[in-house]
Amino acid sequence: MAECLWCKRSGFFLSLSKDHLCKGCVPVVLLEVSQRSRVINESAQLIENSKNLDTRLSRCDVILSNARCLLKYEEHGIGGMQPRPSDLISNCLARKDRILNEVLQGELQNLISVTSAETSSKGTLTKLTKLLLRVQGYKGNASDPEALAPIEKQVRETMHATQLAIMLDGARKAEFKQQKKKALDGYYEALYFLRHDDIDDALQTDQIATISEKIRSLGGEVEPRQDTQDAHLPPD
């Protein structure tokens, strides 16, 4: 016995379309599918062509909203929609995360490239801080809570390297000017920063031994197993 997949009307003489819909449901279902599919396709084009991150993300949300409205037809077994709403939803969620990572990663790389000659610049640190806030602000847009964790970690590590560069630059300038106490203070500050902040292990390994040796060469003292608060300048 024939049965409409949408309204569930049934009967031996009920006429159904190729999608197994009765005459009353065909125009209703096809109209909604057509309208929402048009919006989905337009949004997909904007995602491809727009350079504005917020526009691209909002259009992903438009696609998700319309695909979720079409999902009820797929759940009733009504075919003919390509891609299927369920596939469209999963693909679009993953796409949002890719867009976020690609754009934010591009911003970080561009910042590093533009400021590579100014690694000790406080202006660079300010820009990195703004980028970190931007990454954190977009966490709510990601489908996976951990999707932006790698880029956030990379921005933090770049910030740490920049902060250390600023400290070391100040210490070196003081050393060049033969301002011994100021230079030692600067190196101690850098050592304290490395030992007490949540610093990447690679940065610690590369720098702690070098800075400790520099302190000793200037007459300062560093106990390897103690925090820098226990390191002290030699008596005047």
Protein backbone atom coordinates (compact mmCIF):
# COMPACT_ATOMS: atom_id res chain seq x y z
CA MET A 1 0.00 0.00 0.00
CA ALA A 2 1.36 3.39 -1.00
CA GLU A 3 2.30 5.79 1.80
CA CYS A 4 3.51 9.39 1.64
CA LEU A 5 6.87 9.72 3.35
CA TRP A 6 6.00 13.16 4.71
CA CYS A 7 2.34 13.26 5.79
CA LYS A 8 2.07 9.47 6.14
CA ARG A 9 -1.20 9.33 4.23
CA SER A 10 -1.66 5.93 2.71
CA GLY A 11 -3.98 4.06 0.39
CA PHE A 12 -4.04 1.58 -2.42
CA PHE A 13 -4.94 4.27 -4.92
CA LEU A 14 -2.74 7.04 -3.48
CA SER A 15 -0.57 8.55 -6.19
CA LEU A 16 3.03 9.25 -5.18
CA SER A 17 5.88 11.17 -6.83
CA LYS A 18 9.29 9.63 -7.48
CA ASP A 19 10.27 10.90 -4.03
CA HIS A 20 7.31 9.04 -2.53
CA LEU A 21 5.33 12.16 -1.73
CA CYS A 22 1.60 12.65 -2.25
CA LYS A 23 0.26 15.42 -4.47
CA GLY A 24 -0.46 17.62 -1.45
CA CYS A 25 3.08 17.35 -0.04
CA VAL A 26 5.06 17.63 -3.28
CA PRO A 27 4.73 21.42 -3.74
CA VAL A 28 5.24 22.15 -0.02
CA VAL A 29 8.35 20.01 0.34
CA LEU A 30 9.88 20.91 -3.02
CA LEU A 31 9.34 24.64 -2.42
CA GLU A 32 11.15 24.58 0.92
CA VAL A 33 13.95 22.40 -0.43
CA SER A 34 14.37 24.70 -3.42
CA GLN A 35 14.40 27.90 -1.39
CA ARG A 36 16.76 26.63 1.28
CA SER A 37 19.06 25.04 -1.29
CA ARG A 38 19.30 28.39 -3.09
CA VAL A 39 20.29 30.13 0.16
CA ILE A 40 22.81 27.40 0.90
CA ASN A 41 24.41 27.71 -2.54
CA GLU A 42 24.58 31.51 -2.33
CA SER A 43 26.19 31.26 1.11
CA ALA A 44 28.72 28.72 -0.15
CA GLN A 45 29.77 31.14 -2.91
CA LEU A 46 30.18 33.97 -0.40
CA ILE A 47 32.34 31.76 1.80
CA GLU A 48 34.60 31.09 -1.17
CA ASN A 49 34.79 34.68 -2.41
CA SER A 50 34.71 36.85 0.71
CA LYS A 51 37.91 37.91 2.46
CA ASN A 52 36.08 38.95 5.61
CA LEU A 53 36.33 36.31 8.34
CA ASP A 54 33.11 37.34 10.09
CA THR A 55 31.19 37.19 6.81
CA ARG A 56 32.50 33.72 6.05
CA LEU A 57 31.64 32.46 9.52
CA SER A 58 28.17 33.97 9.46
CA ARG A 59 27.51 32.32 6.10
CA CYS A 60 28.59 28.99 7.55
CA ASP A 61 25.96 29.55 10.22
CA VAL A 62 23.37 30.30 7.53
CA ILE A 63 24.20 27.02 5.80
CA LEU A 64 23.98 25.13 9.07
CA SER A 65 20.64 26.71 9.94
CA ASN A 66 19.09 25.84 6.57
CA ALA A 67 20.60 22.36 6.45
CA ARG A 68 19.16 21.60 9.88
CA CYS A 69 15.73 22.66 8.65
CA LEU A 70 16.08 20.26 5.70
CA LEU A 71 17.27 17.45 7.93
CA LYS A 72 13.69 16.53 8.83
CA TYR A 73 13.07 15.47 5.23
CA GLU A 74 16.15 13.28 5.18
CA GLU A 75 15.07 11.70 8.48
CA HIS A 76 11.73 10.84 6.85
CA GLY A 77 13.57 9.05 4.07
CA ILE A 78 12.91 11.69 1.42
CA GLY A 79 15.84 11.58 -0.98
CA GLY A 80 16.97 13.67 -3.89
CA MET A 81 18.88 16.29 -1.87
CA GLN A 82 22.56 16.51 -2.78
CA PRO A 83 24.53 16.81 -0.66
CA ARG A 84 22.43 15.27 2.06
CA PRO A 85 21.61 17.71 4.88
CA SER A 86 23.41 15.50 7.44
CA ASP A 87 26.59 15.52 5.31
CA LEU A 88 26.24 19.25 4.74
CA ILE A 89 26.05 19.88 8.49
CA SER A 90 29.11 17.79 9.38
CA ASN A 91 31.14 19.21 6.48
CA CYS A 92 30.19 22.80 7.31
CA LEU A 93 31.12 22.42 10.99
CA ALA A 94 34.55 21.12 10.00
CA ARG A 95 34.85 23.89 7.42
CA LYS A 96 34.25 26.59 10.04
CA ASP A 97 37.17 25.28 12.08
CA ARG A 98 39.41 25.14 9.00
CA ILE A 99 38.51 28.70 8.04
CA LEU A 100 39.26 29.97 11.54
CA ASN A 101 42.62 28.22 11.68
CA GLU A 102 43.65 29.24 8.17
CA VAL A 103 42.78 32.91 8.64
CA LEU A 104 44.24 33.29 12.14
CA GLN A 105 47.35 31.31 11.20
CA GLY A 106 47.77 33.59 8.19
CA GLU A 107 47.50 36.66 10.43
CA LEU A 108 50.17 35.27 12.76
CA GLN A 109 52.54 34.40 9.92
CA ASN A 110 52.03 37.81 8.34
CA LEU A 111 52.76 39.48 11.67
CA ILE A 112 55.90 37.42 12.15
CA SER A 113 57.03 38.17 8.58
CA VAL A 114 56.40 41.91 8.76
CA THR A 115 58.02 42.31 12.18
CA SER A 116 60.87 39.82 11.76
CA ALA A 117 63.36 42.69 11.77
CA GLU A 118 61.85 44.03 14.99
CA THR A 119 61.80 40.96 17.24
CA SER A 120 62.48 43.05 20.33
CA SER A 121 59.88 45.69 19.49
CA LYS A 122 57.22 46.44 22.09
CA GLY A 123 54.95 47.25 19.16
CA THR A 124 55.26 43.65 18.02
CA LEU A 125 54.28 42.45 21.48
CA THR A 126 51.21 44.70 21.43
CA LYS A 127 50.14 43.28 18.06
CA LEU A 128 50.64 39.72 19.31
CA THR A 129 48.57 40.47 22.40
CA LYS A 130 45.75 41.76 20.21
CA LEU A 131 45.98 38.64 18.04
CA LEU A 132 45.80 36.41 21.13
CA LEU A 133 42.64 38.21 22.24
CA ARG A 134 41.26 37.80 18.72
CA VAL A 135 41.94 34.04 18.79
CA GLN A 136 40.31 33.72 22.19
CA GLY A 137 37.33 35.74 21.01
CA TYR A 138 36.72 33.34 18.13
CA LYS A 139 36.71 30.21 20.30
CA GLY A 140 32.95 30.42 20.57
CA ASN A 141 32.67 30.22 16.78
CA ALA A 142 34.50 26.91 16.55
CA SER A 143 32.56 23.65 16.48
CA ASP A 144 35.36 21.88 18.33
CA PRO A 145 36.36 23.59 21.62
CA GLU A 146 39.98 22.59 20.98
CA ALA A 147 40.06 23.64 17.33
CA LEU A 148 41.96 26.87 18.05
CA ALA A 149 44.23 25.42 20.74
CA PRO A 150 47.23 24.98 18.38
CA ILE A 151 47.12 28.54 17.04
CA GLU A 152 46.59 29.94 20.55
CA LYS A 153 49.63 28.00 21.77
CA GLN A 154 51.70 29.28 18.85
CA VAL A 155 50.71 32.90 19.51
CA ARG A 156 51.60 32.53 23.20
CA GLU A 157 54.98 31.02 22.35
CA THR A 158 55.70 33.85 19.91
CA MET A 159 54.71 36.36 22.60
CA HIS A 160 57.05 34.70 25.11
CA ALA A 161 59.92 34.76 22.62
CA THR A 162 59.24 38.45 21.94
CA GLN A 163 59.04 39.32 25.65
CA LEU A 164 62.35 37.56 26.23
CA ALA A 165 63.92 39.36 23.28
CA ILE A 166 62.87 42.72 24.72
CA MET A 167 64.42 41.87 28.10
CA LEU A 168 67.66 40.61 26.57
CA ASP A 169 67.89 43.61 24.25
CA GLY A 170 67.71 45.95 27.24
CA ALA A 171 70.33 43.94 29.12
CA ARG A 172 72.70 43.93 26.14
CA LYS A 173 72.35 47.66 25.66
CA ALA A 174 73.20 48.23 29.32
CA GLU A 175 76.16 45.88 28.99
CA PHE A 176 77.37 47.75 25.91
CA LYS A 177 77.19 51.01 27.88
CA GLN A 178 79.17 49.32 30.66
CA GLN A 179 76.25 49.69 33.05
CA LYS A 180 77.08 46.45 34.81
CA LYS A 181 74.43 46.47 37.53
CA LYS A 182 71.66 47.42 35.09
CA ALA A 183 72.82 44.71 32.67
CA LEU A 184 72.81 42.09 35.43
CA ASP A 185 69.35 43.20 36.55
CA GLY A 186 68.17 42.75 32.98
CA TYR A 187 69.62 39.25 32.68
CA TYR A 188 68.19 38.27 36.08
CA GLU A 189 64.77 39.52 34.94
CA ALA A 190 65.02 37.37 31.81
CA LEU A 191 66.07 34.34 33.84
CA TYR A 192 63.21 34.84 36.28
CA PHE A 193 60.79 35.15 33.35
CA LEU A 194 61.98 31.85 31.90
CA ARG A 195 61.78 30.00 35.21
CA HIS A 196 58.49 31.33 36.45
CA ASP A 197 56.18 31.83 33.45
CA ASP A 198 54.50 29.05 31.48
CA ILE A 199 57.29 29.07 28.94
CA ASP A 200 57.81 26.58 26.14
CA ASP A 201 60.40 23.97 27.13
CA ALA A 202 62.43 24.54 23.98
CA LEU A 203 62.77 28.25 24.76
CA GLN A 204 63.83 27.45 28.33
CA THR A 205 66.41 24.89 27.22
CA ASP A 206 67.90 27.20 24.62
CA GLN A 207 68.13 30.27 26.81
CA ILE A 208 68.53 29.44 30.52
CA ALA A 209 72.07 28.10 30.24
CA THR A 210 73.16 30.97 27.98
CA ILE A 211 71.70 33.65 30.26
CA SER A 212 73.11 31.99 33.39
CA GLU A 213 76.56 31.96 31.82
CA LYS A 214 76.21 35.63 30.88
CA ILE A 215 75.31 36.49 34.49
CA ARG A 216 78.37 34.66 35.77
CA SER A 217 80.61 36.37 33.22
CA LEU A 218 79.48 39.72 34.62
CA GLY A 219 80.25 38.66 38.17
CA GLY A 220 76.76 37.59 39.20
CA GLU A 221 75.81 34.31 40.85
CA VAL A 222 73.22 31.74 39.80
CA GLU A 223 72.39 28.57 41.65
CA PRO A 224 71.19 26.04 39.02
CA ARG A 225 68.62 24.43 41.32
CA GLN A 226 67.31 27.64 42.83
CA ASP A 227 64.87 30.23 41.55
CA THR A 228 66.31 33.52 40.42
CA GLN A 229 65.06 35.17 43.58
CA ASP A 230 67.97 33.33 45.26
CA ALA A 231 70.45 34.49 42.64
CA HIS A 232 72.15 37.64 43.73
CA LEU A 233 74.58 40.28 42.66
CA PRO A 234 78.09 40.19 44.10
CA PRO A 235 78.74 42.65 46.92
CA ASP A 236 79.80 46.12 45.77
